């Protein structure tokens, strides 16, 4: 029997095993696309957002793809809210975002220095994001008081160059509330 050489995915070392020239020895590992993107391309990100004293109809965060050649893929949005049960809506938006606080997304591959090609804003404690038109509603979700909910998008929301999304704090049962959370996305 001859030896078959292969590269170990974990250690990177060249290893060998006895095998037959007439038989294929196959192994596979299957993870989600964000995992491979973070490991291989190093373009997987997270962005936290805060929206203190959120009122109905205000935007909690805004995210626009400014990459000249890559698609931004939105994986999920985590939502938290205190004070009142609330509803959030995720929109495709147009227009030029005004105000808001600039956010720098974190690369989830800590060894990478790649920066996200985005315009990222959040309310940040009272600087309301304006200038946007809500074009198409993507999804909405209810969040009970003092809970965390995840809006799982399963890599289906894709933003081409200059496309944008925004999360609207749509309504609550008690005036204003402190909202916040996290957005997970990657480029391909």
N, C-alpha and C. Protein backbone atom coordinates (compact mmCIF):
# COMPACT_ATOMS: atom_id res chain seq x y z
N UNK A 1 0.84 -1.18 0.00
CA UNK A 1 0.00 0.00 0.00
C UNK A 1 0.88 1.24 0.00
N UNK A 2 0.43 2.24 -0.72
CA UNK A 2 1.17 3.49 -0.77
C UNK A 2 0.68 4.43 0.32
N UNK A 3 1.45 5.48 0.56
CA UNK A 3 1.07 6.47 1.56
C UNK A 3 0.36 7.63 0.87
N UNK A 4 -0.66 8.16 1.55
CA UNK A 4 -1.38 9.34 1.09
C UNK A 4 -1.00 10.48 2.03
N UNK A 5 -0.55 11.60 1.47
CA UNK A 5 -0.20 12.76 2.29
C UNK A 5 -1.31 13.80 2.22
N UNK A 6 -1.53 14.49 3.34
CA UNK A 6 -2.56 15.53 3.41
C UNK A 6 -2.14 16.55 4.45
N UNK A 7 -2.78 17.74 4.37
CA UNK A 7 -2.51 18.79 5.34
C UNK A 7 -3.59 18.77 6.40
N UNK A 8 -3.18 18.67 7.67
CA UNK A 8 -4.10 18.68 8.78
C UNK A 8 -4.71 20.07 8.92
N UNK A 9 -6.07 20.18 8.86
CA UNK A 9 -6.76 21.48 8.92
C UNK A 9 -6.50 22.22 10.22
N UNK A 10 -6.29 21.50 11.30
CA UNK A 10 -6.13 22.14 12.60
C UNK A 10 -4.70 22.59 12.84
N UNK A 11 -3.74 21.66 12.65
CA UNK A 11 -2.35 22.00 12.96
C UNK A 11 -1.59 22.57 11.77
N UNK A 12 -2.06 22.30 10.55
CA UNK A 12 -1.37 22.75 9.35
C UNK A 12 -0.21 21.85 8.97
N UNK A 13 0.04 20.80 9.76
CA UNK A 13 1.16 19.89 9.50
C UNK A 13 0.82 18.93 8.36
N UNK A 14 1.85 18.52 7.62
CA UNK A 14 1.67 17.51 6.58
C UNK A 14 1.71 16.15 7.28
N UNK A 15 0.65 15.38 7.09
CA UNK A 15 0.55 14.06 7.69
C UNK A 15 0.36 13.03 6.59
N UNK A 16 0.57 11.78 6.92
CA UNK A 16 0.39 10.73 5.93
C UNK A 16 -0.30 9.54 6.55
N UNK A 17 -0.89 8.71 5.70
CA UNK A 17 -1.54 7.49 6.14
C UNK A 17 -1.43 6.47 5.01
N UNK A 18 -1.55 5.23 5.36
CA UNK A 18 -1.52 4.19 4.34
C UNK A 18 -2.87 4.13 3.65
N UNK A 19 -2.84 3.99 2.35
CA UNK A 19 -4.07 3.92 1.60
C UNK A 19 -3.86 3.16 0.32
N UNK A 20 -4.91 2.94 -0.38
CA UNK A 20 -4.86 2.21 -1.63
C UNK A 20 -4.97 3.17 -2.79
N UNK A 21 -4.22 2.90 -3.85
CA UNK A 21 -4.33 3.74 -5.05
C UNK A 21 -5.69 3.58 -5.71
N UNK A 22 -6.42 2.53 -5.37
CA UNK A 22 -7.71 2.25 -6.01
C UNK A 22 -8.88 2.69 -5.14
N UNK A 23 -8.60 3.40 -4.07
CA UNK A 23 -9.68 3.78 -3.16
C UNK A 23 -9.50 5.24 -2.76
N UNK A 24 -10.58 5.97 -2.70
CA UNK A 24 -10.52 7.37 -2.27
C UNK A 24 -10.78 7.44 -0.78
N UNK A 25 -9.89 8.09 -0.07
CA UNK A 25 -10.09 8.34 1.35
C UNK A 25 -10.48 9.81 1.49
N UNK A 26 -11.69 10.05 1.96
CA UNK A 26 -12.23 11.40 2.00
C UNK A 26 -12.67 11.73 3.43
N UNK A 27 -12.38 12.97 3.83
CA UNK A 27 -12.93 13.47 5.08
C UNK A 27 -13.44 14.88 4.81
N UNK A 28 -14.38 15.32 5.60
CA UNK A 28 -14.95 16.65 5.38
C UNK A 28 -15.28 17.30 6.71
N UNK A 29 -15.30 18.61 6.69
CA UNK A 29 -15.73 19.39 7.83
C UNK A 29 -16.67 20.45 7.27
N UNK A 30 -17.80 20.58 7.88
CA UNK A 30 -18.78 21.53 7.36
C UNK A 30 -19.19 22.50 8.47
N UNK A 31 -18.94 23.78 8.24
CA UNK A 31 -19.36 24.84 9.16
C UNK A 31 -20.09 25.89 8.34
N UNK A 32 -20.66 26.88 9.02
CA UNK A 32 -21.38 27.92 8.28
C UNK A 32 -20.39 28.83 7.54
N UNK A 33 -20.93 29.60 6.62
CA UNK A 33 -20.09 30.44 5.76
C UNK A 33 -19.32 31.48 6.55
N UNK A 34 -19.93 32.02 7.60
CA UNK A 34 -19.25 33.04 8.39
C UNK A 34 -17.98 32.48 9.03
N UNK A 35 -18.00 31.21 9.45
CA UNK A 35 -16.82 30.59 10.04
C UNK A 35 -15.66 30.60 9.04
N UNK A 36 -15.91 30.10 7.83
CA UNK A 36 -14.85 30.03 6.83
C UNK A 36 -14.41 31.43 6.40
N UNK A 37 -15.37 32.36 6.34
CA UNK A 37 -15.01 33.72 5.98
C UNK A 37 -14.09 34.33 7.03
N UNK A 38 -14.42 34.14 8.30
CA UNK A 38 -13.59 34.67 9.38
C UNK A 38 -12.20 34.05 9.35
N UNK A 39 -12.13 32.75 9.11
CA UNK A 39 -10.84 32.05 9.12
C UNK A 39 -10.02 32.36 7.87
N UNK A 40 -10.62 32.27 6.69
CA UNK A 40 -9.86 32.32 5.44
C UNK A 40 -9.72 33.72 4.85
N UNK A 41 -10.80 34.49 4.84
CA UNK A 41 -10.79 35.81 4.21
C UNK A 41 -10.63 36.93 5.22
N UNK A 42 -10.96 36.64 6.47
CA UNK A 42 -10.85 37.59 7.58
C UNK A 42 -11.69 38.84 7.36
N UNK A 43 -12.94 38.62 6.91
CA UNK A 43 -13.87 39.72 6.66
C UNK A 43 -15.22 39.45 7.34
N UNK A 44 -15.18 39.04 8.61
CA UNK A 44 -16.38 38.75 9.39
C UNK A 44 -16.39 39.70 10.59
N UNK A 45 -17.51 40.37 10.85
CA UNK A 45 -17.54 41.48 11.81
C UNK A 45 -18.73 41.41 12.75
N UNK A 46 -18.59 42.15 13.85
CA UNK A 46 -19.67 42.40 14.77
C UNK A 46 -19.71 43.90 15.07
N UNK A 47 -20.91 44.41 15.26
CA UNK A 47 -21.06 45.83 15.60
C UNK A 47 -22.11 45.94 16.71
N UNK A 48 -21.71 46.46 17.84
CA UNK A 48 -22.68 46.69 18.91
C UNK A 48 -23.35 48.05 18.68
N UNK A 49 -24.54 48.19 19.20
CA UNK A 49 -25.25 49.47 19.09
C UNK A 49 -26.01 49.76 20.38
N UNK A 50 -26.17 51.07 20.65
CA UNK A 50 -26.93 51.52 21.82
C UNK A 50 -27.96 52.55 21.37
N UNK A 51 -29.09 52.53 22.02
CA UNK A 51 -30.14 53.50 21.72
C UNK A 51 -30.84 53.84 23.04
N UNK A 52 -30.27 54.80 23.73
CA UNK A 52 -30.80 55.22 25.02
C UNK A 52 -32.03 56.11 24.82
N UNK A 53 -33.04 55.92 25.64
CA UNK A 53 -34.28 56.69 25.56
C UNK A 53 -34.89 56.61 24.17
N UNK A 54 -34.94 55.38 23.63
CA UNK A 54 -35.50 55.16 22.29
C UNK A 54 -36.98 55.49 22.28
N UNK A 55 -37.39 56.22 21.26
CA UNK A 55 -38.80 56.58 21.09
C UNK A 55 -39.31 55.97 19.79
N UNK A 56 -40.62 55.79 19.71
CA UNK A 56 -41.23 55.20 18.53
C UNK A 56 -40.78 55.91 17.25
N UNK A 57 -40.44 55.11 16.23
CA UNK A 57 -40.10 55.65 14.93
C UNK A 57 -38.64 56.06 14.76
N UNK A 58 -37.81 55.92 15.78
CA UNK A 58 -36.39 56.27 15.65
C UNK A 58 -35.59 55.05 15.22
N UNK A 59 -34.43 55.32 14.60
CA UNK A 59 -33.54 54.24 14.17
C UNK A 59 -32.48 53.98 15.22
N UNK A 60 -32.29 52.70 15.55
CA UNK A 60 -31.28 52.30 16.52
C UNK A 60 -29.90 52.17 15.89
N UNK A 61 -29.84 51.61 14.66
CA UNK A 61 -28.56 51.55 13.94
C UNK A 61 -28.79 51.64 12.44
N UNK A 62 -27.72 51.99 11.74
CA UNK A 62 -27.69 52.12 10.28
C UNK A 62 -26.42 51.45 9.79
N UNK A 63 -26.50 50.65 8.73
CA UNK A 63 -25.35 49.95 8.20
C UNK A 63 -25.41 50.00 6.67
N UNK A 64 -24.36 50.58 6.06
CA UNK A 64 -24.31 50.73 4.59
C UNK A 64 -23.03 50.09 4.06
N UNK A 65 -23.17 49.29 3.01
CA UNK A 65 -22.03 48.65 2.36
C UNK A 65 -21.31 49.66 1.47
N UNK A 66 -20.05 49.97 1.77
CA UNK A 66 -19.27 50.90 0.94
C UNK A 66 -18.15 50.17 0.19
N UNK A 67 -18.15 48.84 0.22
CA UNK A 67 -17.14 48.08 -0.51
C UNK A 67 -17.37 48.23 -2.02
N UNK A 68 -16.30 48.47 -2.79
CA UNK A 68 -16.47 48.61 -4.24
C UNK A 68 -16.69 47.28 -4.96
N UNK A 69 -16.40 46.15 -4.30
CA UNK A 69 -16.47 44.88 -5.04
C UNK A 69 -17.00 43.69 -4.25
N UNK A 70 -17.46 43.89 -3.01
CA UNK A 70 -17.94 42.77 -2.20
C UNK A 70 -19.38 43.00 -1.75
N UNK A 71 -20.07 41.90 -1.54
CA UNK A 71 -21.42 41.94 -1.00
C UNK A 71 -21.36 41.80 0.50
N UNK A 72 -22.11 42.62 1.22
CA UNK A 72 -22.23 42.51 2.67
C UNK A 72 -23.38 41.56 2.96
N UNK A 73 -23.11 40.54 3.77
CA UNK A 73 -24.12 39.54 4.13
C UNK A 73 -24.44 39.72 5.61
N UNK A 74 -25.70 39.98 5.90
CA UNK A 74 -26.16 40.18 7.28
C UNK A 74 -26.59 38.82 7.85
N UNK A 75 -25.92 38.38 8.92
CA UNK A 75 -26.22 37.07 9.51
C UNK A 75 -27.33 37.14 10.55
N UNK A 76 -27.20 38.07 11.50
CA UNK A 76 -28.21 38.16 12.56
C UNK A 76 -28.09 39.50 13.28
N UNK A 77 -29.17 39.82 13.99
CA UNK A 77 -29.22 41.04 14.80
C UNK A 77 -29.71 40.64 16.19
N UNK A 78 -28.91 40.96 17.21
CA UNK A 78 -29.33 40.73 18.59
C UNK A 78 -29.99 41.99 19.14
N UNK A 79 -31.07 41.83 19.89
CA UNK A 79 -31.82 42.96 20.40
C UNK A 79 -32.06 42.82 21.90
N UNK A 80 -31.91 43.92 22.59
CA UNK A 80 -32.19 43.99 24.03
C UNK A 80 -33.05 45.23 24.27
N UNK A 81 -33.91 45.14 25.27
CA UNK A 81 -34.72 46.31 25.59
C UNK A 81 -35.15 46.24 27.05
N UNK A 82 -35.09 47.39 27.72
CA UNK A 82 -35.59 47.43 29.08
C UNK A 82 -36.79 48.35 29.14
N UNK A 83 -37.41 48.46 30.24
CA UNK A 83 -38.51 49.37 30.54
C UNK A 83 -39.85 48.93 29.97
N UNK A 84 -39.90 48.45 28.72
CA UNK A 84 -41.19 48.16 28.10
C UNK A 84 -41.05 47.08 27.04
N UNK A 85 -42.13 46.31 26.82
CA UNK A 85 -42.18 45.41 25.69
C UNK A 85 -42.14 46.26 24.42
N UNK A 86 -41.36 45.84 23.43
CA UNK A 86 -41.14 46.68 22.27
C UNK A 86 -41.15 45.88 20.98
N UNK A 87 -41.37 46.58 19.88
CA UNK A 87 -41.30 45.98 18.55
C UNK A 87 -40.25 46.73 17.74
N UNK A 88 -39.41 45.98 17.03
CA UNK A 88 -38.38 46.52 16.15
C UNK A 88 -38.67 46.07 14.73
N UNK A 89 -38.32 46.93 13.76
CA UNK A 89 -38.45 46.58 12.35
C UNK A 89 -37.11 46.80 11.66
N UNK A 90 -36.71 45.83 10.84
CA UNK A 90 -35.50 45.94 10.03
C UNK A 90 -35.91 46.31 8.61
N UNK A 91 -35.30 47.38 8.09
CA UNK A 91 -35.67 47.93 6.78
C UNK A 91 -34.48 48.02 5.84
N UNK A 92 -34.74 47.84 4.52
CA UNK A 92 -33.84 48.36 3.51
C UNK A 92 -34.15 49.84 3.45
N UNK A 93 -33.13 50.69 3.49
CA UNK A 93 -33.36 52.13 3.51
C UNK A 93 -32.58 52.82 2.40
N UNK A 94 -33.04 54.01 2.06
CA UNK A 94 -32.34 54.87 1.11
C UNK A 94 -32.21 56.25 1.75
N UNK A 95 -31.51 57.14 1.05
CA UNK A 95 -31.28 58.48 1.58
C UNK A 95 -29.89 58.57 2.18
N UNK A 96 -29.57 59.75 2.66
CA UNK A 96 -28.27 59.99 3.29
C UNK A 96 -28.47 60.11 4.79
N UNK A 97 -27.83 59.23 5.52
CA UNK A 97 -27.98 59.24 6.98
C UNK A 97 -27.37 60.51 7.57
N UNK A 98 -28.11 61.14 8.44
CA UNK A 98 -27.62 62.32 9.15
C UNK A 98 -27.56 61.99 10.63
N UNK A 99 -26.67 62.67 11.31
CA UNK A 99 -26.48 62.50 12.75
C UNK A 99 -26.11 61.06 13.08
N UNK A 100 -26.43 60.60 14.25
CA UNK A 100 -25.96 59.30 14.70
C UNK A 100 -24.50 59.37 15.12
N UNK A 101 -24.05 58.33 15.77
CA UNK A 101 -22.68 58.22 16.25
C UNK A 101 -21.98 57.14 15.42
N UNK A 102 -20.82 57.46 14.88
CA UNK A 102 -20.07 56.50 14.06
C UNK A 102 -19.59 55.33 14.91
N UNK A 103 -19.74 54.14 14.38
CA UNK A 103 -19.28 52.92 15.03
C UNK A 103 -18.20 52.28 14.15
N UNK A 104 -17.22 51.66 14.78
CA UNK A 104 -16.21 50.88 14.07
C UNK A 104 -16.46 49.41 14.39
N UNK A 105 -16.93 48.63 13.41
CA UNK A 105 -17.17 47.21 13.66
C UNK A 105 -15.88 46.47 14.04
N UNK A 106 -16.01 45.42 14.81
CA UNK A 106 -14.89 44.61 15.27
C UNK A 106 -14.74 43.40 14.36
N UNK A 107 -13.51 43.17 13.88
CA UNK A 107 -13.24 41.98 13.08
C UNK A 107 -13.23 40.78 14.03
N UNK A 108 -14.00 39.75 13.70
CA UNK A 108 -14.11 38.59 14.57
C UNK A 108 -12.90 37.67 14.49
N UNK A 109 -12.00 37.91 13.55
CA UNK A 109 -10.72 37.21 13.53
C UNK A 109 -9.73 38.17 14.20
N UNK A 110 -9.43 37.96 15.46
CA UNK A 110 -8.64 38.93 16.22
C UNK A 110 -7.23 39.11 15.68
N UNK A 111 -6.76 38.18 14.86
CA UNK A 111 -5.43 38.30 14.27
C UNK A 111 -5.43 39.17 13.01
N UNK A 112 -6.61 39.57 12.55
CA UNK A 112 -6.72 40.32 11.31
C UNK A 112 -6.80 41.83 11.57
N UNK A 113 -6.20 42.58 10.67
CA UNK A 113 -6.30 44.04 10.74
C UNK A 113 -7.26 44.58 9.67
N UNK A 114 -8.00 43.69 8.98
CA UNK A 114 -8.96 44.13 7.97
C UNK A 114 -10.08 44.95 8.62
N UNK A 115 -10.36 46.08 8.03
CA UNK A 115 -11.46 46.94 8.50
C UNK A 115 -12.67 46.72 7.61
N UNK A 116 -13.85 46.86 8.18
CA UNK A 116 -15.09 46.70 7.43
C UNK A 116 -15.32 47.91 6.53
N UNK A 117 -15.66 47.65 5.29
CA UNK A 117 -15.96 48.72 4.33
C UNK A 117 -17.44 49.08 4.46
N UNK A 118 -17.74 49.85 5.51
CA UNK A 118 -19.13 50.23 5.80
C UNK A 118 -19.21 51.64 6.33
N UNK A 119 -20.41 52.20 6.25
CA UNK A 119 -20.77 53.35 7.06
C UNK A 119 -21.66 52.77 8.15
N UNK A 120 -21.23 52.88 9.40
CA UNK A 120 -21.96 52.29 10.51
C UNK A 120 -22.26 53.37 11.53
N UNK A 121 -23.53 53.51 11.87
CA UNK A 121 -23.98 54.51 12.85
C UNK A 121 -24.91 53.84 13.85
N UNK A 122 -24.93 54.40 15.06
CA UNK A 122 -25.95 54.02 16.02
C UNK A 122 -26.40 55.29 16.73
N UNK A 123 -27.52 55.18 17.45
CA UNK A 123 -28.04 56.34 18.17
C UNK A 123 -27.03 56.80 19.21
N UNK A 124 -26.43 55.88 19.91
CA UNK A 124 -25.34 56.19 20.83
C UNK A 124 -25.69 57.05 22.01
N UNK A 125 -26.94 57.10 22.39
CA UNK A 125 -27.31 57.85 23.58
C UNK A 125 -27.91 59.20 23.29
N UNK A 126 -28.75 59.27 22.28
CA UNK A 126 -29.49 60.51 22.07
C UNK A 126 -29.19 61.25 20.79
N UNK A 127 -28.31 60.74 19.94
CA UNK A 127 -28.04 61.39 18.65
C UNK A 127 -28.85 60.66 17.60
N UNK A 128 -30.07 61.05 17.40
CA UNK A 128 -31.02 60.35 16.55
C UNK A 128 -30.58 60.35 15.09
N UNK A 129 -30.60 59.17 14.47
CA UNK A 129 -30.25 59.02 13.06
C UNK A 129 -31.43 59.51 12.22
N UNK A 130 -31.15 60.41 11.29
CA UNK A 130 -32.20 60.95 10.43
C UNK A 130 -31.81 60.85 8.96
N UNK A 131 -32.63 61.44 8.09
CA UNK A 131 -32.35 61.51 6.67
C UNK A 131 -32.62 60.25 5.88
N UNK A 132 -33.28 59.26 6.47
CA UNK A 132 -33.49 57.98 5.80
C UNK A 132 -34.95 57.79 5.39
N UNK A 133 -35.13 57.05 4.32
CA UNK A 133 -36.46 56.64 3.88
C UNK A 133 -36.53 55.13 3.99
N UNK A 134 -37.50 54.61 4.73
CA UNK A 134 -37.71 53.17 4.86
C UNK A 134 -38.37 52.68 3.58
N UNK A 135 -37.63 51.89 2.80
CA UNK A 135 -38.13 51.45 1.50
C UNK A 135 -38.87 50.13 1.55
N UNK A 136 -38.22 49.09 2.07
CA UNK A 136 -38.83 47.76 2.10
C UNK A 136 -38.58 47.14 3.46
N UNK A 137 -39.64 46.66 4.08
CA UNK A 137 -39.50 46.01 5.39
C UNK A 137 -38.96 44.60 5.20
N UNK A 138 -37.92 44.25 5.95
CA UNK A 138 -37.30 42.93 5.87
C UNK A 138 -37.95 41.98 6.87
N UNK A 139 -38.08 42.43 8.11
CA UNK A 139 -38.63 41.59 9.17
C UNK A 139 -38.95 42.48 10.37
N UNK A 140 -39.73 41.96 11.30
CA UNK A 140 -39.95 42.65 12.57
C UNK A 140 -39.98 41.62 13.68
N UNK A 141 -39.74 42.10 14.89
CA UNK A 141 -39.69 41.18 16.02
C UNK A 141 -40.13 41.90 17.29
N UNK A 142 -40.82 41.20 18.16
CA UNK A 142 -41.22 41.73 19.45
C UNK A 142 -40.18 41.30 20.49
N UNK A 143 -39.84 42.21 21.39
CA UNK A 143 -38.88 41.94 22.45
C UNK A 143 -39.56 42.25 23.78
N UNK A 144 -39.64 41.25 24.64
CA UNK A 144 -40.23 41.45 25.96
C UNK A 144 -39.25 42.24 26.83
N UNK A 145 -39.78 42.93 27.80
CA UNK A 145 -38.97 43.76 28.69
C UNK A 145 -37.86 42.92 29.33
N UNK A 146 -36.65 43.49 29.37
CA UNK A 146 -35.47 42.87 29.99
C UNK A 146 -35.13 41.49 29.43
N UNK A 147 -35.25 41.35 28.12
CA UNK A 147 -34.86 40.09 27.47
C UNK A 147 -33.93 40.37 26.31
N UNK A 148 -33.28 39.31 25.84
CA UNK A 148 -32.45 39.36 24.64
C UNK A 148 -33.07 38.44 23.61
N UNK A 149 -33.25 38.94 22.41
CA UNK A 149 -33.83 38.17 21.31
C UNK A 149 -32.90 38.31 20.12
N UNK A 150 -32.80 37.25 19.34
CA UNK A 150 -31.96 37.32 18.15
C UNK A 150 -32.81 37.18 16.91
N UNK A 151 -32.67 38.15 16.02
CA UNK A 151 -33.33 38.13 14.72
C UNK A 151 -32.38 37.39 13.78
N UNK A 152 -32.63 36.10 13.59
CA UNK A 152 -31.75 35.26 12.78
C UNK A 152 -32.12 35.41 11.31
N UNK A 153 -31.16 35.85 10.54
CA UNK A 153 -31.40 36.11 9.12
C UNK A 153 -30.80 35.03 8.23
N UNK A 154 -30.04 34.11 8.81
CA UNK A 154 -29.48 32.95 8.11
C UNK A 154 -28.78 33.34 6.81
N UNK A 155 -28.02 34.43 6.83
CA UNK A 155 -27.21 34.86 5.69
C UNK A 155 -28.03 35.20 4.45
N UNK A 156 -29.31 35.53 4.62
CA UNK A 156 -30.17 35.79 3.47
C UNK A 156 -30.21 37.26 3.08
N UNK A 157 -29.92 38.17 3.99
CA UNK A 157 -29.98 39.60 3.67
C UNK A 157 -28.63 40.00 3.09
N UNK A 158 -28.64 40.44 1.85
CA UNK A 158 -27.41 40.75 1.12
C UNK A 158 -27.46 42.19 0.63
N UNK A 159 -26.40 42.94 0.91
CA UNK A 159 -26.33 44.34 0.51
C UNK A 159 -25.24 44.51 -0.54
N UNK A 160 -25.61 44.96 -1.74
CA UNK A 160 -24.64 45.30 -2.76
C UNK A 160 -24.01 46.65 -2.44
N UNK A 161 -23.17 47.13 -3.34
CA UNK A 161 -22.50 48.41 -3.12
C UNK A 161 -23.52 49.53 -2.90
N UNK A 162 -23.33 50.27 -1.83
CA UNK A 162 -24.15 51.42 -1.42
C UNK A 162 -25.56 51.06 -0.97
N UNK A 163 -25.86 49.78 -0.80
CA UNK A 163 -27.14 49.38 -0.20
C UNK A 163 -27.02 49.51 1.31
N UNK A 164 -28.17 49.75 1.97
CA UNK A 164 -28.14 49.98 3.42
C UNK A 164 -29.36 49.38 4.10
N UNK A 165 -29.20 49.10 5.40
CA UNK A 165 -30.30 48.67 6.26
C UNK A 165 -30.30 49.55 7.50
N UNK A 166 -31.45 49.61 8.16
CA UNK A 166 -31.56 50.32 9.43
C UNK A 166 -32.58 49.60 10.29
N UNK A 167 -32.34 49.61 11.59
CA UNK A 167 -33.26 49.00 12.55
C UNK A 167 -34.08 50.11 13.19
N UNK A 168 -35.39 50.02 13.04
CA UNK A 168 -36.30 51.00 13.61
C UNK A 168 -36.84 50.51 14.94
N UNK A 169 -36.76 51.37 15.96
CA UNK A 169 -37.44 51.13 17.21
C UNK A 169 -38.88 51.53 16.94
N UNK A 170 -39.74 50.58 16.66
CA UNK A 170 -41.05 50.86 16.08
C UNK A 170 -42.09 51.30 17.09
N UNK A 171 -42.23 50.55 18.16
CA UNK A 171 -43.22 50.94 19.17
C UNK A 171 -42.94 50.22 20.47
N UNK A 172 -43.40 50.80 21.56
CA UNK A 172 -43.30 50.12 22.85
C UNK A 172 -44.53 50.44 23.68
N UNK A 173 -44.62 49.75 24.80
CA UNK A 173 -45.82 49.90 25.63
C UNK A 173 -45.63 50.88 26.77
N UNK A 174 -44.54 51.65 26.76
CA UNK A 174 -44.34 52.54 27.91
C UNK A 174 -43.47 53.74 27.64
N UNK A 175 -43.74 54.51 26.60
CA UNK A 175 -42.98 55.75 26.36
C UNK A 175 -41.66 55.51 25.68
N UNK A 176 -40.56 55.63 26.42
CA UNK A 176 -39.24 55.38 25.86
C UNK A 176 -38.60 54.21 26.58
N UNK A 177 -37.55 53.67 25.96
CA UNK A 177 -36.85 52.54 26.56
C UNK A 177 -35.39 52.59 26.14
N UNK A 178 -34.55 51.94 26.90
CA UNK A 178 -33.16 51.78 26.50
C UNK A 178 -33.06 50.49 25.71
N UNK A 179 -32.57 50.61 24.47
CA UNK A 179 -32.43 49.46 23.58
C UNK A 179 -30.97 49.34 23.18
N UNK A 180 -30.61 48.21 22.70
CA UNK A 180 -29.25 47.99 22.23
C UNK A 180 -29.08 46.56 21.79
N UNK A 181 -27.91 46.26 21.27
CA UNK A 181 -27.68 44.89 20.81
C UNK A 181 -26.43 44.78 19.97
N UNK A 182 -26.48 43.85 19.02
CA UNK A 182 -25.31 43.54 18.21
C UNK A 182 -25.76 43.10 16.82
N UNK A 183 -24.94 43.42 15.82
CA UNK A 183 -25.18 43.03 14.43
C UNK A 183 -24.00 42.17 14.00
N UNK A 184 -24.26 41.01 13.40
CA UNK A 184 -23.23 40.15 12.86
C UNK A 184 -23.32 40.17 11.33
N UNK A 185 -22.17 40.41 10.66
CA UNK A 185 -22.17 40.43 9.20
C UNK A 185 -20.81 40.05 8.67
N UNK A 186 -20.76 39.75 7.38
CA UNK A 186 -19.49 39.44 6.72
C UNK A 186 -19.56 39.85 5.26
N UNK A 187 -18.43 39.82 4.60
CA UNK A 187 -18.33 40.17 3.17
C UNK A 187 -17.94 38.94 2.37
N UNK A 188 -18.47 38.86 1.15
CA UNK A 188 -18.03 37.82 0.22
C UNK A 188 -18.10 38.33 -1.21
